[in-house]
């Protein structure tokens, strides 16, 4: 269950037979770095680092607009 206001996810286990319930909170974090520099005519892209806690994996989607994230790698621009 995402808890975006707390920047974490809650992993919950529940047994309907015995009423057992357990909650664990984990953090998902990704860092994005773009190109900053002079215009040099070369193609540049961004890099993404997944710094999530153990067992948590951030899912990154790439695209040319927010409603068309269908690329498998980050786009490059010149």
PDB file of N, CA and C in Angstrom:
ATOM      1  N   UNK A   1       0.851  -1.177   0.000  1.00  0.00           N
ATOM      2  CA  UNK A   1       0.000   0.000   0.000  1.00  0.00           C
ATOM      3  C   UNK A   1       0.890   1.230   0.000  1.00  0.00           C
ATOM      4  N   UNK A   2       0.784   2.094  -1.012  1.00  0.00           N
ATOM      5  CA  UNK A   2       1.600   3.309  -1.012  1.00  0.00           C
ATOM      6  C   UNK A   2       1.091   4.311   0.016  1.00  0.00           C
ATOM      7  N   UNK A   3       2.026   4.914   0.724  1.00  0.00           N
ATOM      8  CA  UNK A   3       1.741   6.017   1.642  1.00  0.00           C
ATOM      9  C   UNK A   3       2.614   7.182   1.200  1.00  0.00           C
ATOM     10  N   UNK A   4       2.218   7.821   0.106  1.00  0.00           N
ATOM     11  CA  UNK A   4       3.052   8.822  -0.538  1.00  0.00           C
ATOM     12  C   UNK A   4       3.325  10.033   0.342  1.00  0.00           C
ATOM     13  N   UNK A   5       2.396  10.419   1.189  1.00  0.00           N
ATOM     14  CA  UNK A   5       2.622  11.561   2.069  1.00  0.00           C
ATOM     15  C   UNK A   5       3.767  11.285   3.035  1.00  0.00           C
ATOM     16  N   UNK A   6       3.954  10.015   3.409  1.00  0.00           N
ATOM     17  CA  UNK A   6       5.041   9.632   4.308  1.00  0.00           C
ATOM     18  C   UNK A   6       6.272   9.143   3.560  1.00  0.00           C
ATOM     19  N   UNK A   7       6.207   9.151   2.218  1.00  0.00           N
ATOM     20  CA  UNK A   7       7.288   8.693   1.348  1.00  0.00           C
ATOM     21  C   UNK A   7       7.719   7.269   1.695  1.00  0.00           C
ATOM     22  N   UNK A   8       6.738   6.389   1.841  1.00  0.00           N
ATOM     23  CA  UNK A   8       7.018   4.999   2.141  1.00  0.00           C
ATOM     24  C   UNK A   8       5.882   4.118   1.640  1.00  0.00           C
ATOM     25  N   UNK A   9       6.098   2.819   1.723  1.00  0.00           N
ATOM     26  CA  UNK A   9       5.089   1.828   1.379  1.00  0.00           C
ATOM     27  C   UNK A   9       4.851   0.952   2.601  1.00  0.00           C
ATOM     28  N   UNK A  10       3.623   0.578   2.812  1.00  0.00           N
ATOM     29  CA  UNK A  10       3.279  -0.342   3.896  1.00  0.00           C
ATOM     30  C   UNK A  10       3.046  -1.714   3.287  1.00  0.00           C
ATOM     31  N   UNK A  11       3.764  -2.705   3.799  1.00  0.00           N
ATOM     32  CA  UNK A  11       3.580  -4.084   3.373  1.00  0.00           C
ATOM     33  C   UNK A  11       2.779  -4.754   4.478  1.00  0.00           C
ATOM     34  N   UNK A  12       1.575  -5.200   4.161  1.00  0.00           N
ATOM     35  CA  UNK A  12       0.690  -5.775   5.172  1.00  0.00           C
ATOM     36  C   UNK A  12       0.400  -7.234   4.867  1.00  0.00           C
ATOM     37  N   UNK A  13       0.407  -8.031   5.916  1.00  0.00           N
ATOM     38  CA  UNK A  13       0.012  -9.436   5.830  1.00  0.00           C
ATOM     39  C   UNK A  13      -1.172  -9.619   6.764  1.00  0.00           C
ATOM     40  N   UNK A  14      -2.172 -10.363   6.315  1.00  0.00           N
ATOM     41  CA  UNK A  14      -3.352 -10.578   7.139  1.00  0.00           C
ATOM     42  C   UNK A  14      -3.915 -11.968   6.864  1.00  0.00           C
ATOM     43  N   UNK A  15      -4.248 -12.677   7.928  1.00  0.00           N
ATOM     44  CA  UNK A  15      -4.847 -14.007   7.815  1.00  0.00           C
ATOM     45  C   UNK A  15      -6.303 -13.908   8.271  1.00  0.00           C
ATOM     46  N   UNK A  16      -7.238 -14.232   7.395  1.00  0.00           N
ATOM     47  CA  UNK A  16      -8.661 -14.153   7.743  1.00  0.00           C
ATOM     48  C   UNK A  16      -9.095 -15.297   8.652  1.00  0.00           C
ATOM     49  N   UNK A  17      -8.325 -16.377   8.683  1.00  0.00           N
ATOM     50  CA  UNK A  17      -8.681 -17.519   9.527  1.00  0.00           C
ATOM     51  C   UNK A  17      -8.354 -17.276  11.009  1.00  0.00           C
ATOM     52  N   UNK A  18      -7.193 -16.713  11.285  1.00  0.00           N
ATOM     53  CA  UNK A  18      -6.776 -16.558  12.682  1.00  0.00           C
ATOM     54  C   UNK A  18      -6.701 -15.106  13.147  1.00  0.00           C
ATOM     55  N   UNK A  19      -6.833 -14.150  12.230  1.00  0.00           N
ATOM     56  CA  UNK A  19      -6.776 -12.741  12.607  1.00  0.00           C
ATOM     57  C   UNK A  19      -5.365 -12.180  12.717  1.00  0.00           C
ATOM     58  N   UNK A  20      -4.361 -12.974  12.355  1.00  0.00           N
ATOM     59  CA  UNK A  20      -2.972 -12.524  12.391  1.00  0.00           C
ATOM     60  C   UNK A  20      -2.793 -11.345  11.437  1.00  0.00           C
ATOM     61  N   UNK A  21      -2.106 -10.327  11.893  1.00  0.00           N
ATOM     62  CA  UNK A  21      -1.843  -9.162  11.060  1.00  0.00           C
ATOM     63  C   UNK A  21      -0.445  -8.648  11.359  1.00  0.00           C
ATOM     64  N   UNK A  22       0.285  -8.295  10.300  1.00  0.00           N
ATOM     65  CA  UNK A  22       1.628  -7.748  10.456  1.00  0.00           C
ATOM     66  C   UNK A  22       1.816  -6.640   9.432  1.00  0.00           C
ATOM     67  N   UNK A  23       2.450  -5.550   9.865  1.00  0.00           N
ATOM     68  CA  UNK A  23       2.744  -4.430   8.964  1.00  0.00           C
ATOM     69  C   UNK A  23       4.235  -4.140   9.000  1.00  0.00           C
ATOM     70  N   UNK A  24       4.761  -3.808   7.846  1.00  0.00           N
ATOM     71  CA  UNK A  24       6.165  -3.428   7.723  1.00  0.00           C
ATOM     72  C   UNK A  24       6.210  -2.211   6.809  1.00  0.00           C
ATOM     73  N   UNK A  25       7.053  -1.250   7.136  1.00  0.00           N
ATOM     74  CA  UNK A  25       7.155  -0.035   6.336  1.00  0.00           C
ATOM     75  C   UNK A  25       8.513   0.008   5.649  1.00  0.00           C
ATOM     76  N   UNK A  26       8.505   0.242   4.351  1.00  0.00           N
ATOM     77  CA  UNK A  26       9.735   0.297   3.569  1.00  0.00           C
ATOM     78  C   UNK A  26       9.723   1.553   2.707  1.00  0.00           C
ATOM     79  N   UNK A  27      10.906   2.037   2.385  1.00  0.00           N
ATOM     80  CA  UNK A  27      11.024   3.245   1.576  1.00  0.00           C
ATOM     81  C   UNK A  27      11.455   2.946   0.158  1.00  0.00           C
ATOM     82  N   UNK A  28      10.843   3.623  -0.794  1.00  0.00           N
ATOM     83  CA  UNK A  28      11.241   3.528  -2.197  1.00  0.00           C
ATOM     84  C   UNK A  28      11.788   4.882  -2.605  1.00  0.00           C
ATOM     85  N   UNK A  29      12.975   4.892  -3.193  1.00  0.00           N
ATOM     86  CA  UNK A  29      13.598   6.160  -3.540  1.00  0.00           C
ATOM     87  C   UNK A  29      14.375   6.017  -4.845  1.00  0.00           C
ATOM     88  N   UNK A  30      14.207   6.959  -5.722  1.00  0.00           N
ATOM     89  CA  UNK A  30      14.971   7.003  -6.968  1.00  0.00           C
ATOM     90  C   UNK A  30      15.558   8.397  -7.110  1.00  0.00           C
ATOM     91  N   UNK A  31      16.788   8.467  -7.595  1.00  0.00           N
ATOM     92  CA  UNK A  31      17.469   9.732  -7.811  1.00  0.00           C
ATOM     93  C   UNK A  31      17.695   9.901  -9.304  1.00  0.00           C
ATOM     94  N   UNK A  32      17.306  11.052  -9.832  1.00  0.00           N
ATOM     95  CA  UNK A  32      17.446  11.346 -11.257  1.00  0.00           C
ATOM     96  C   UNK A  32      18.454  12.472 -11.430  1.00  0.00           C
ATOM     97  N   UNK A  33      19.419  12.261 -12.314  1.00  0.00           N
ATOM     98  CA  UNK A  33      20.419  13.284 -12.613  1.00  0.00           C
ATOM     99  C   UNK A  33      20.396  13.563 -14.106  1.00  0.00           C
ATOM    100  N   UNK A  34      20.234  14.815 -14.470  1.00  0.00           N
ATOM    101  CA  UNK A  34      20.232  15.229 -15.867  1.00  0.00           C
ATOM    102  C   UNK A  34      21.558  15.827 -16.268  1.00  0.00           C
ATOM    103  N   UNK A  35      21.656  16.268 -17.494  1.00  0.00           N
ATOM    104  CA  UNK A  35      22.876  16.910 -17.992  1.00  0.00           C
ATOM    105  C   UNK A  35      22.793  18.402 -17.756  1.00  0.00           C
ATOM    106  N   UNK A  36      23.823  18.945 -17.156  1.00  0.00           N
ATOM    107  CA  UNK A  36      23.942  20.391 -17.006  1.00  0.00           C
ATOM    108  C   UNK A  36      25.280  20.787 -17.586  1.00  0.00           C
ATOM    109  N   UNK A  37      25.271  21.660 -18.549  1.00  0.00           N
ATOM    110  CA  UNK A  37      26.521  22.084 -19.165  1.00  0.00           C
ATOM    111  C   UNK A  37      26.235  22.943 -20.376  1.00  0.00           C
ATOM    112  N   UNK A  38      27.292  23.223 -21.110  1.00  0.00           N
ATOM    113  CA  UNK A  38      27.161  24.061 -22.297  1.00  0.00           C
ATOM    114  C   UNK A  38      26.559  23.244 -23.444  1.00  0.00           C
ATOM    115  N   UNK A  39      25.960  23.931 -24.375  1.00  0.00           N
ATOM    116  CA  UNK A  39      25.439  23.279 -25.578  1.00  0.00           C
ATOM    117  C   UNK A  39      26.643  22.889 -26.423  1.00  0.00           C
ATOM    118  N   UNK A  40      26.833  21.580 -26.617  1.00  0.00           N
ATOM    119  CA  UNK A  40      28.010  21.108 -27.330  1.00  0.00           C
ATOM    120  C   UNK A  40      27.682  20.289 -28.570  1.00  0.00           C
ATOM    121  N   UNK A  41      26.393  20.192 -28.915  1.00  0.00           N
ATOM    122  CA  UNK A  41      26.003  19.448 -30.108  1.00  0.00           C
ATOM    123  C   UNK A  41      26.017  17.941 -29.938  1.00  0.00           C
ATOM    124  N   UNK A  42      26.342  17.435 -28.747  1.00  0.00           N
ATOM    125  CA  UNK A  42      26.377  16.007 -28.477  1.00  0.00           C
ATOM    126  C   UNK A  42      25.070  15.566 -27.820  1.00  0.00           C
ATOM    127  N   UNK A  43      24.644  14.316 -28.036  1.00  0.00           N
ATOM    128  CA  UNK A  43      23.439  13.831 -27.366  1.00  0.00           C
ATOM    129  C   UNK A  43      23.709  13.585 -25.873  1.00  0.00           C
ATOM    130  N   UNK A  44      22.751  13.949 -25.032  1.00  0.00           N
ATOM    131  CA  UNK A  44      22.855  13.746 -23.589  1.00  0.00           C
ATOM    132  C   UNK A  44      21.548  13.153 -23.086  1.00  0.00           C
ATOM    133  N   UNK A  45      21.628  12.406 -22.014  1.00  0.00           N
ATOM    134  CA  UNK A  45      20.452  11.781 -21.425  1.00  0.00           C
ATOM    135  C   UNK A  45      20.514  11.959 -19.916  1.00  0.00           C
ATOM    136  N   UNK A  46      19.622  11.331 -19.209  1.00  0.00           N
ATOM    137  CA  UNK A  46      19.633  11.382 -17.757  1.00  0.00           C
ATOM    138  C   UNK A  46      19.996  10.017 -17.202  1.00  0.00           C
ATOM    139  N   UNK A  47      20.400   9.985 -15.946  1.00  0.00           N
ATOM    140  CA  UNK A  47      20.684   8.719 -15.273  1.00  0.00           C
ATOM    141  C   UNK A  47      19.750   8.580 -14.080  1.00  0.00           C
ATOM    142  N   UNK A  48      19.328   7.355 -13.819  1.00  0.00           N
ATOM    143  CA  UNK A  48      18.418   7.076 -12.714  1.00  0.00           C
ATOM    144  C   UNK A  48      19.075   6.047 -11.811  1.00  0.00           C
ATOM    145  N   UNK A  49      19.124   6.336 -10.511  1.00  0.00           N
ATOM    146  CA  UNK A  49      19.671   5.406  -9.526  1.00  0.00           C
ATOM    147  C   UNK A  49      18.561   4.991  -8.573  1.00  0.00           C
ATOM    148  N   UNK A  50      18.399   3.695  -8.377  1.00  0.00           N
ATOM    149  CA  UNK A  50      17.396   3.164  -7.453  1.00  0.00           C
ATOM    150  C   UNK A  50      18.062   3.004  -6.090  1.00  0.00           C
ATOM    151  N   UNK A  51      17.700   3.853  -5.126  1.00  0.00           N
ATOM    152  CA  UNK A  51      18.268   3.819  -3.781  1.00  0.00           C
ATOM    153  C   UNK A  51      17.254   3.297  -2.764  1.00  0.00           C
ATOM    154  N   UNK A  52      16.338   2.485  -3.219  1.00  0.00           N
ATOM    155  CA  UNK A  52      15.292   1.937  -2.350  1.00  0.00           C
ATOM    156  C   UNK A  52      15.881   0.992  -1.320  1.00  0.00           C
ATOM    157  N   UNK A  53      15.125   0.792  -0.252  1.00  0.00           N
ATOM    158  CA  UNK A  53      15.541  -0.153   0.773  1.00  0.00           C
ATOM    159  C   UNK A  53      15.553  -1.567   0.211  1.00  0.00           C
ATOM    160  N   UNK A  54      16.221  -2.454   0.896  1.00  0.00           N
ATOM    161  CA  UNK A  54      16.332  -3.846   0.469  1.00  0.00           C
ATOM    162  C   UNK A  54      14.955  -4.465   0.256  1.00  0.00           C
ATOM    163  N   UNK A  55      14.777  -5.126  -0.875  1.00  0.00           N
ATOM    164  CA  UNK A  55      13.513  -5.775  -1.195  1.00  0.00           C
ATOM    165  C   UNK A  55      12.499  -4.888  -1.878  1.00  0.00           C
ATOM    166  N   UNK A  56      12.818  -3.600  -2.042  1.00  0.00           N
ATOM    167  CA  UNK A  56      11.918  -2.652  -2.706  1.00  0.00           C
ATOM    168  C   UNK A  56      12.594  -2.196  -3.988  1.00  0.00           C
ATOM    169  N   UNK A  57      11.840  -2.152  -5.074  1.00  0.00           N
ATOM    170  CA  UNK A  57      12.403  -1.742  -6.353  1.00  0.00           C
ATOM    171  C   UNK A  57      11.530  -0.652  -6.966  1.00  0.00           C
ATOM    172  N   UNK A  58      12.137   0.463  -7.306  1.00  0.00           N
ATOM    173  CA  UNK A  58      11.411   1.543  -7.964  1.00  0.00           C
ATOM    174  C   UNK A  58      11.208   1.174  -9.430  1.00  0.00           C
ATOM    175  N   UNK A  59      10.070   1.528  -9.967  1.00  0.00           N
ATOM    176  CA  UNK A  59       9.768   1.277 -11.372  1.00  0.00           C
ATOM    177  C   UNK A  59       9.809   2.613 -12.104  1.00  0.00           C
ATOM    178  N   UNK A  60      10.717   2.739 -13.046  1.00  0.00           N
ATOM    179  CA  UNK A  60      10.892   3.985 -13.792  1.00  0.00           C
ATOM    180  C   UNK A  60      10.352   3.781 -15.192  1.00  0.00           C
ATOM    181  N   UNK A  61       9.509   4.719 -15.643  1.00  0.00           N
ATOM    182  CA  UNK A  61       8.977   4.675 -17.009  1.00  0.00           C
ATOM    183  C   UNK A  61       9.474   5.910 -17.748  1.00  0.00           C
ATOM    184  N   UNK A  62       9.881   5.714 -18.985  1.00  0.00           N
ATOM    185  CA  UNK A  62      10.419   6.791 -19.805  1.00  0.00           C
ATOM    186  C   UNK A  62       9.457   7.122 -20.945  1.00  0.00           C
ATOM    187  N   UNK A  63       9.478   8.369 -21.364  1.00  0.00           N
ATOM    188  CA  UNK A  63       8.668   8.777 -22.497  1.00  0.00           C
ATOM    189  C   UNK A  63       8.955  10.219 -22.853  1.00  0.00           C
ATOM    190  N   UNK A  64       8.319  10.681 -23.909  1.00  0.00           N
ATOM    191  CA  UNK A  64       8.493  12.065 -24.344  1.00  0.00           C
ATOM    192  C   UNK A  64       7.434  12.981 -23.748  1.00  0.00           C
ATOM    193  N   UNK A  65       6.406  12.415 -23.110  1.00  0.00           N
ATOM    194  CA  UNK A  65       5.382  13.201 -22.417  1.00  0.00           C
ATOM    195  C   UNK A  65       4.785  12.331 -21.312  1.00  0.00           C
ATOM    196  N   UNK A  66       4.101  12.952 -20.368  1.00  0.00           N
ATOM    197  CA  UNK A  66       3.565  12.231 -19.208  1.00  0.00           C
ATOM    198  C   UNK A  66       2.533  11.183 -19.598  1.00  0.00           C
ATOM    199  N   UNK A  67       1.832  11.377 -20.699  1.00  0.00           N
ATOM    200  CA  UNK A  67       0.803  10.415 -21.097  1.00  0.00           C
ATOM    201  C   UNK A  67       1.294   9.394 -22.122  1.00  0.00           C
ATOM    202  N   UNK A  68       2.601   9.372 -22.388  1.00  0.00           N
ATOM    203  CA  UNK A  68       3.155   8.415 -23.352  1.00  0.00           C
ATOM    204  C   UNK A  68       4.489   7.871 -22.837  1.00  0.00           C
ATOM    205  N   UNK A  69       4.450   7.183 -21.711  1.00  0.00           N
ATOM    206  CA  UNK A  69       5.669   6.601 -21.116  1.00  0.00           C
ATOM    207  C   UNK A  69       5.816   5.162 -21.604  1.00  0.00           C
ATOM    208  N   UNK A  70       6.282   5.038 -22.836  1.00  0.00           N
ATOM    209  CA  UNK A  70       6.368   3.723 -23.468  1.00  0.00           C
ATOM    210  C   UNK A  70       7.775   3.366 -23.944  1.00  0.00           C
ATOM    211  N   UNK A  71       8.788   4.078 -23.476  1.00  0.00           N
ATOM    212  CA  UNK A  71      10.173   3.783 -23.876  1.00  0.00           C
ATOM    213  C   UNK A  71      10.815   2.861 -22.842  1.00  0.00           C
ATOM    214  N   UNK A  72      11.741   2.018 -23.284  1.00  0.00           N
ATOM    215  CA  UNK A  72      12.427   1.101 -22.366  1.00  0.00           C
ATOM    216  C   UNK A  72      13.702   1.698 -21.785  1.00  0.00           C
ATOM    217  N   UNK A  73      14.211   2.761 -22.397  1.00  0.00           N
ATOM    218  CA  UNK A  73      15.396   3.465 -21.881  1.00  0.00           C
ATOM    219  C   UNK A  73      15.151   4.964 -21.943  1.00  0.00           C
ATOM    220  N   UNK A  74      15.980   5.689 -21.230  1.00  0.00           N
ATOM    221  CA  UNK A  74      15.836   7.143 -21.198  1.00  0.00           C
ATOM    222  C   UNK A  74      16.163   7.734 -22.575  1.00  0.00           C
ATOM    223  N   UNK A  75      15.384   8.717 -23.027  1.00  0.00           N
ATOM    224  CA  UNK A  75      15.669   9.339 -24.333  1.00  0.00           C
ATOM    225  C   UNK A  75      16.897  10.236 -24.246  1.00  0.00           C
ATOM    226  N   UNK A  76      17.554  10.409 -25.382  1.00  0.00           N
ATOM    227  CA  UNK A  76      18.692  11.337 -25.497  1.00  0.00           C
ATOM    228  C   UNK A  76      18.270  12.527 -26.336  1.00  0.00           C
ATOM    229  N   UNK A  77      18.772  13.676 -25.976  1.00  0.00           N
ATOM    230  CA  UNK A  77      18.483  14.900 -26.734  1.00  0.00           C
ATOM    231  C   UNK A  77      19.776  15.612 -27.033  1.00  0.00           C
ATOM    232  N   UNK A  78      19.837  16.231 -28.220  1.00  0.00           N
ATOM    233  CA  UNK A  78      21.018  16.996 -28.627  1.00  0.00           C
ATOM    234  C   UNK A  78      20.725  18.473 -28.475  1.00  0.00           C
TER     235      UNK A  78
END
